[in-house]
């Protein structure tokens, strides 16, 4: 077979069986250092932590809770070791001075927890909307927190199923602030433990299974990958390198990291990018009641523009 996951091994259509392939070994958990300074390799003062909080809030809009001090130390201590810095002051000075290290700094503090087909009721509603789509123009979807790609690929699979075609009339733009996770998403290669909850039918139709040195991995089919454009985007940037309008917008489990004023600012910028009859999908723990003048709840964390026509 000519299709390959990489130069190391061929691919065959993915399948599930009674003898399930061994999953990838999970990554080792982050070491959470003790609170006592003597337990830490580097001194990490309250002043250092507050500087980190101020920097990530100013440039990424993320409000770090005071209880995240150990998490911040654990993630950034790796960068101090990698760069040979002996103090957090020296490292943070470097991060502000060097664009490449600044990008790594932001990536280190960005939480990326995702999975395929989260919040099934959203998928069902999306499929219904897709089946009602008419016209020559493709259905345009913006996934504003693509992470490692599970969400946008879930949207692409839903489109293929809704239109019963591997070339459905959809265009998916998938963005994220974290360039590392976008690189993973762009490759579309996942450990079998990341896709083991998908049905046999979906695995066979939408994935190619690795063999040889690539055993234990599956790759999305090229047809699925072609439906998505991945690009970096910070929701706090003054301008966004994308053009509306969109029929559907997904912004799930992102707003929880922003304070209410920042959420409102972003939602206000979302509104003109969403078609008047479009839908905005939020995370299960997110509520936009403070932006009721912009978006109106349809229930189950689905929103429409307040000026939308009655459905």
Protein backbone atom coordinates (compact mmCIF):
# COMPACT_ATOMS: atom_id res chain seq x y z
CA UNK A 1 0.00 0.00 0.00
CA UNK A 2 1.46 3.37 -0.94
CA UNK A 3 0.02 5.50 1.87
CA UNK A 4 2.45 5.99 4.74
CA UNK A 5 2.30 7.47 8.20
CA UNK A 6 5.97 8.27 7.86
CA UNK A 7 8.99 6.76 6.19
CA UNK A 8 9.19 4.22 9.01
CA UNK A 9 6.13 2.13 8.30
CA UNK A 10 3.08 1.64 6.05
CA UNK A 11 -0.49 2.33 6.98
CA UNK A 12 -3.61 0.29 6.72
CA UNK A 13 -7.21 1.28 7.46
CA UNK A 14 -7.62 1.56 11.20
CA UNK A 15 -9.76 -0.97 12.97
CA UNK A 16 -10.64 -2.09 16.44
CA UNK A 17 -10.61 -5.71 17.50
CA UNK A 18 -10.97 -7.93 20.51
CA UNK A 19 -7.21 -7.82 20.88
CA UNK A 20 -6.96 -4.06 21.17
CA UNK A 21 -3.52 -2.71 20.24
CA UNK A 22 -1.43 -1.50 23.10
CA UNK A 23 -2.03 2.16 23.86
CA UNK A 24 0.70 4.69 24.07
CA UNK A 25 2.34 4.87 27.40
CA UNK A 26 0.93 7.99 29.10
CA UNK A 27 3.29 10.87 29.60
CA UNK A 28 4.86 11.04 33.02
CA UNK A 29 2.92 13.39 35.27
CA UNK A 30 4.41 16.76 35.99
CA UNK A 31 6.44 16.86 39.14
CA UNK A 32 4.73 19.14 41.60
CA UNK A 33 7.40 20.50 43.89
CA UNK A 34 6.86 20.95 47.59
CA UNK A 35 5.98 24.34 48.90
CA UNK A 36 9.15 24.68 50.93
CA UNK A 37 11.90 26.60 49.08
CA UNK A 38 14.40 23.86 50.01
CA UNK A 39 12.44 21.40 47.87
CA UNK A 40 13.01 23.50 44.77
CA UNK A 41 15.96 23.61 42.45
CA UNK A 42 15.39 27.31 41.78
CA UNK A 43 14.22 30.04 44.11
CA UNK A 44 10.68 31.07 43.15
CA UNK A 45 9.40 34.02 45.13
CA UNK A 46 5.95 35.53 45.34
CA UNK A 47 7.34 38.41 43.28
CA UNK A 48 8.42 35.99 40.54
CA UNK A 49 4.98 34.39 40.50
CA UNK A 50 3.19 37.74 40.33
CA UNK A 51 5.41 38.77 37.42
CA UNK A 52 4.46 35.58 35.57
CA UNK A 53 0.78 36.20 36.29
CA UNK A 54 1.02 39.78 35.01
CA UNK A 55 2.86 38.76 31.83
CA UNK A 56 0.52 35.93 30.84
CA UNK A 57 -2.53 38.06 31.58
CA UNK A 58 -1.28 41.03 29.60
CA UNK A 59 -0.26 39.06 26.54
CA UNK A 60 -2.61 36.05 26.54
CA UNK A 61 -5.52 37.21 28.70
CA UNK A 62 -5.14 34.18 30.98
CA UNK A 63 -5.96 34.80 34.64
CA UNK A 64 -3.77 32.47 36.66
CA UNK A 65 -5.22 31.55 40.02
CA UNK A 66 -2.97 32.10 43.06
CA UNK A 67 -3.17 28.36 43.71
CA UNK A 68 -1.33 27.69 40.43
CA UNK A 69 2.07 28.64 41.82
CA UNK A 70 3.38 25.07 41.97
CA UNK A 71 2.13 24.37 38.44
CA UNK A 72 3.86 27.49 37.12
CA UNK A 73 7.10 26.56 38.84
CA UNK A 74 7.00 23.00 37.50
CA UNK A 75 6.48 24.09 33.90
CA UNK A 76 8.89 27.02 33.82
CA UNK A 77 11.66 25.33 35.78
CA UNK A 78 12.15 23.13 32.72
CA UNK A 79 12.86 26.23 30.65
CA UNK A 80 15.38 27.54 33.18
CA UNK A 81 17.26 24.24 32.93
CA UNK A 82 17.06 24.23 29.12
CA UNK A 83 18.37 27.79 28.81
CA UNK A 84 20.91 27.65 31.64
CA UNK A 85 19.30 30.44 33.65
CA UNK A 86 19.82 30.27 37.41
CA UNK A 87 17.00 32.56 38.49
CA UNK A 88 13.43 33.23 37.40
CA UNK A 89 14.29 36.91 37.04
CA UNK A 90 16.94 36.06 34.47
CA UNK A 91 14.62 33.69 32.62
CA UNK A 92 11.67 36.10 32.51
CA UNK A 93 13.98 38.86 31.28
CA UNK A 94 15.07 36.48 28.51
CA UNK A 95 11.48 35.57 27.63
CA UNK A 96 10.56 39.23 27.23
CA UNK A 97 13.69 39.88 25.20
CA UNK A 98 13.70 36.87 22.85
CA UNK A 99 10.61 36.25 20.66
CA UNK A 100 11.25 32.51 20.31
CA UNK A 101 11.55 32.02 24.07
CA UNK A 102 8.48 34.17 24.63
CA UNK A 103 6.48 31.80 22.42
CA UNK A 104 7.78 28.84 24.44
CA UNK A 105 6.91 30.65 27.67
CA UNK A 106 3.29 31.10 26.55
CA UNK A 107 3.09 27.52 25.27
CA UNK A 108 4.38 26.21 28.59
CA UNK A 109 1.58 27.88 30.53
CA UNK A 110 -1.26 27.08 28.13
CA UNK A 111 -3.45 24.20 29.24
CA UNK A 112 -4.50 21.93 26.38
CA UNK A 113 -6.95 19.25 27.47
CA UNK A 114 -9.15 17.92 24.70
CA UNK A 115 -10.62 14.77 23.18
CA UNK A 116 -12.62 13.63 20.17
CA UNK A 117 -16.37 14.32 20.17
CA UNK A 118 -16.66 16.12 23.48
CA UNK A 119 -20.17 17.26 24.44
CA UNK A 120 -22.15 15.01 22.12
CA UNK A 121 -25.21 17.28 22.13
CA UNK A 122 -23.17 19.93 20.32
CA UNK A 123 -22.21 17.42 17.64
CA UNK A 124 -25.84 16.41 17.15
CA UNK A 125 -26.96 20.03 16.75
CA UNK A 126 -24.09 20.74 14.35
CA UNK A 127 -25.04 17.73 12.22
CA UNK A 128 -28.64 18.95 12.06
CA UNK A 129 -27.49 22.40 10.96
CA UNK A 130 -25.22 20.90 8.29
CA UNK A 131 -28.03 18.79 6.83
CA UNK A 132 -30.12 21.93 6.38
CA UNK A 133 -27.35 23.76 4.53
CA UNK A 134 -28.24 24.79 1.02
CA UNK A 135 -26.49 26.86 -1.61
CA UNK A 136 -23.20 26.74 -3.43
CA UNK A 137 -21.10 28.42 -0.78
CA UNK A 138 -19.39 26.13 1.72
CA UNK A 139 -20.44 26.09 5.36
CA UNK A 140 -17.73 28.05 7.15
CA UNK A 141 -16.68 27.01 10.67
CA UNK A 142 -14.17 28.63 13.01
CA UNK A 143 -12.74 26.52 15.81
CA UNK A 144 -10.94 29.12 17.95
CA UNK A 145 -9.26 26.72 20.39
CA UNK A 146 -8.01 23.89 18.19
CA UNK A 147 -5.47 22.56 20.70
CA UNK A 148 -4.00 19.27 19.39
CA UNK A 149 -6.72 18.92 16.76
CA UNK A 150 -9.29 16.56 18.23
CA UNK A 151 -12.06 19.16 18.10
CA UNK A 152 -11.60 20.37 14.50
CA UNK A 153 -11.18 16.79 13.26
CA UNK A 154 -14.39 15.88 15.10
CA UNK A 155 -16.11 18.71 13.22
CA UNK A 156 -14.68 17.46 9.93
CA UNK A 157 -15.86 13.90 10.63
CA UNK A 158 -19.32 15.21 11.51
CA UNK A 159 -19.42 17.07 8.19
CA UNK A 160 -18.41 13.96 6.22
CA UNK A 161 -21.14 11.96 7.94
CA UNK A 162 -23.80 14.66 7.58
CA UNK A 163 -23.17 15.07 3.84
CA UNK A 164 -22.25 11.39 3.31
CA UNK A 165 -19.11 12.48 1.50
CA UNK A 166 -15.38 12.74 2.14
CA UNK A 167 -15.50 16.10 0.34
CA UNK A 168 -18.37 17.89 2.11
CA UNK A 169 -19.07 21.57 1.36
CA UNK A 170 -17.41 22.87 4.52
CA UNK A 171 -14.41 25.03 5.31
CA UNK A 172 -12.94 24.74 8.80
CA UNK A 173 -10.51 27.31 10.19
CA UNK A 174 -8.80 26.01 13.34
CA UNK A 175 -6.72 28.38 15.46
CA UNK A 176 -4.87 28.33 18.77
CA UNK A 177 -2.40 30.50 20.63
CA UNK A 178 -0.10 27.51 21.25
CA UNK A 179 2.08 26.77 18.23
CA UNK A 180 3.27 23.43 19.65
CA UNK A 181 -0.21 21.94 19.84
CA UNK A 182 -1.02 23.31 16.39
CA UNK A 183 1.97 21.41 15.02
CA UNK A 184 0.50 18.22 16.51
CA UNK A 185 -2.91 19.03 15.06
CA UNK A 186 -1.42 19.71 11.63
CA UNK A 187 0.22 16.26 11.56
CA UNK A 188 -3.03 14.56 12.56
CA UNK A 189 -1.24 11.62 14.19
CA UNK A 190 -2.58 10.25 17.48
CA UNK A 191 -1.81 7.45 19.85
CA UNK A 192 -4.41 4.72 19.83
CA UNK A 193 -5.32 5.62 23.40
CA UNK A 194 -6.52 8.99 22.07
CA UNK A 195 -8.93 7.42 19.58
CA UNK A 196 -9.98 4.25 21.41
CA UNK A 197 -13.45 5.64 22.19
CA UNK A 198 -14.30 6.11 18.53
CA UNK A 199 -16.53 3.52 16.90
CA UNK A 200 -15.09 0.82 14.65
CA UNK A 201 -16.88 2.42 11.69
CA UNK A 202 -15.32 5.84 12.31
CA UNK A 203 -11.87 4.37 12.79
CA UNK A 204 -12.05 2.46 9.53
CA UNK A 205 -13.50 5.36 7.56
CA UNK A 206 -11.46 8.28 8.85
CA UNK A 207 -8.12 6.93 10.11
CA UNK A 208 -5.11 4.99 8.88
CA UNK A 209 -3.37 2.71 11.34
CA UNK A 210 0.40 2.68 11.67
CA UNK A 211 2.51 -0.48 11.53
CA UNK A 212 6.11 -1.31 12.27
CA UNK A 213 7.78 1.48 14.20
CA UNK A 214 4.53 3.43 13.93
CA UNK A 215 2.45 0.73 15.62
CA UNK A 216 0.26 2.23 18.32
CA UNK A 217 -0.53 5.32 16.24
CA UNK A 218 -3.30 6.34 13.87
CA UNK A 219 -3.37 9.16 11.35
CA UNK A 220 -6.38 11.03 9.99
CA UNK A 221 -7.00 10.35 6.33
CA UNK A 222 -5.75 13.01 3.89
CA UNK A 223 -9.31 13.80 2.78
CA UNK A 224 -10.16 14.79 6.35
CA UNK A 225 -7.00 16.85 6.78
CA UNK A 226 -7.76 18.84 3.62
CA UNK A 227 -10.98 20.17 5.15
CA UNK A 228 -9.08 22.11 7.85
CA UNK A 229 -6.74 25.09 7.80
CA UNK A 230 -4.66 25.39 10.97
CA UNK A 231 -3.16 28.74 11.92
CA UNK A 232 -1.86 30.44 15.09
CA UNK A 233 -4.06 33.14 16.59
CA UNK A 234 -4.13 34.94 19.91
CA UNK A 235 -7.65 36.07 20.82
CA UNK A 236 -6.13 39.14 22.49
CA UNK A 237 -4.33 40.34 19.37
CA UNK A 238 -5.57 43.66 18.04
CA UNK A 239 -6.28 42.11 14.66
CA UNK A 240 -7.10 38.55 13.68
CA UNK A 241 -5.73 37.01 10.49
CA UNK A 242 -9.02 35.54 9.39
CA UNK A 243 -12.06 36.78 7.57
CA UNK A 244 -15.73 36.22 8.33
CA UNK A 245 -18.52 35.67 8.20
CA UNK A 246 -18.80 32.20 9.71
CA UNK A 247 -21.87 29.98 9.89
CA UNK A 248 -20.60 28.23 13.01
CA UNK A 249 -18.11 29.26 15.69
CA UNK A 250 -16.69 27.00 18.39
CA UNK A 251 -15.05 28.61 21.41
CA UNK A 252 -15.24 25.89 24.04
CA UNK A 253 -13.40 25.82 27.36
CA UNK A 254 -11.42 28.95 26.54
CA UNK A 255 -13.36 31.75 28.19
CA UNK A 256 -12.94 30.12 31.62
CA UNK A 257 -9.34 31.33 31.55
CA UNK A 258 -10.35 34.97 30.99
CA UNK A 259 -11.94 37.41 33.39
CA UNK A 260 -15.40 38.81 32.58
CA UNK A 261 -14.23 42.09 30.97
CA UNK A 262 -11.86 40.18 28.68
CA UNK A 263 -14.61 37.71 27.81
CA UNK A 264 -16.95 40.54 26.91
CA UNK A 265 -14.34 42.18 24.67
CA UNK A 266 -13.72 38.94 22.79
CA UNK A 267 -17.43 38.17 22.42
CA UNK A 268 -18.02 41.66 21.07
CA UNK A 269 -15.40 40.97 18.40
CA UNK A 270 -16.95 37.57 17.66
CA UNK A 271 -20.36 39.00 16.88
CA UNK A 272 -19.68 40.64 13.49
CA UNK A 273 -17.74 37.55 12.37
CA UNK A 274 -20.76 35.30 12.92
CA UNK A 275 -23.60 35.30 10.41
CA UNK A 276 -26.88 36.67 11.70
CA UNK A 277 -28.35 33.17 11.77
CA UNK A 278 -25.10 31.52 12.91
CA UNK A 279 -24.40 29.57 16.09
CA UNK A 280 -21.72 29.97 18.76
CA UNK A 281 -20.82 26.88 20.80
CA UNK A 282 -19.27 27.36 24.26
CA UNK A 283 -17.89 24.95 26.86
CA UNK A 284 -20.15 23.12 29.30
CA UNK A 285 -19.01 25.24 32.26
CA UNK A 286 -19.15 28.59 30.46
CA UNK A 287 -21.93 31.17 30.57
CA UNK A 288 -22.21 34.44 28.66
CA UNK A 289 -25.06 36.01 30.61
CA UNK A 290 -22.85 39.05 31.20
CA UNK A 291 -22.86 39.56 27.42
CA UNK A 292 -26.63 39.22 26.93
CA UNK A 293 -26.62 42.35 24.78
CA UNK A 294 -24.42 40.52 22.25
CA UNK A 295 -25.36 36.84 22.41
CA UNK A 296 -28.57 35.10 23.41
CA UNK A 297 -28.57 31.62 24.94
CA UNK A 298 -30.38 28.82 23.12
CA UNK A 299 -29.68 26.41 25.97
CA UNK A 300 -26.97 23.82 26.58
CA UNK A 301 -24.16 26.36 26.00
CA UNK A 302 -25.25 27.22 22.46
CA UNK A 303 -25.67 30.90 21.57
CA UNK A 304 -26.94 33.08 18.75
CA UNK A 305 -26.60 36.77 18.04
CA UNK A 306 -29.16 38.90 19.86
CA UNK A 307 -30.25 40.34 16.53
CA UNK A 308 -30.85 36.90 15.01
CA UNK A 309 -34.21 36.34 13.38
CA UNK A 310 -36.67 34.11 15.21
CA UNK A 311 -36.00 30.45 14.41
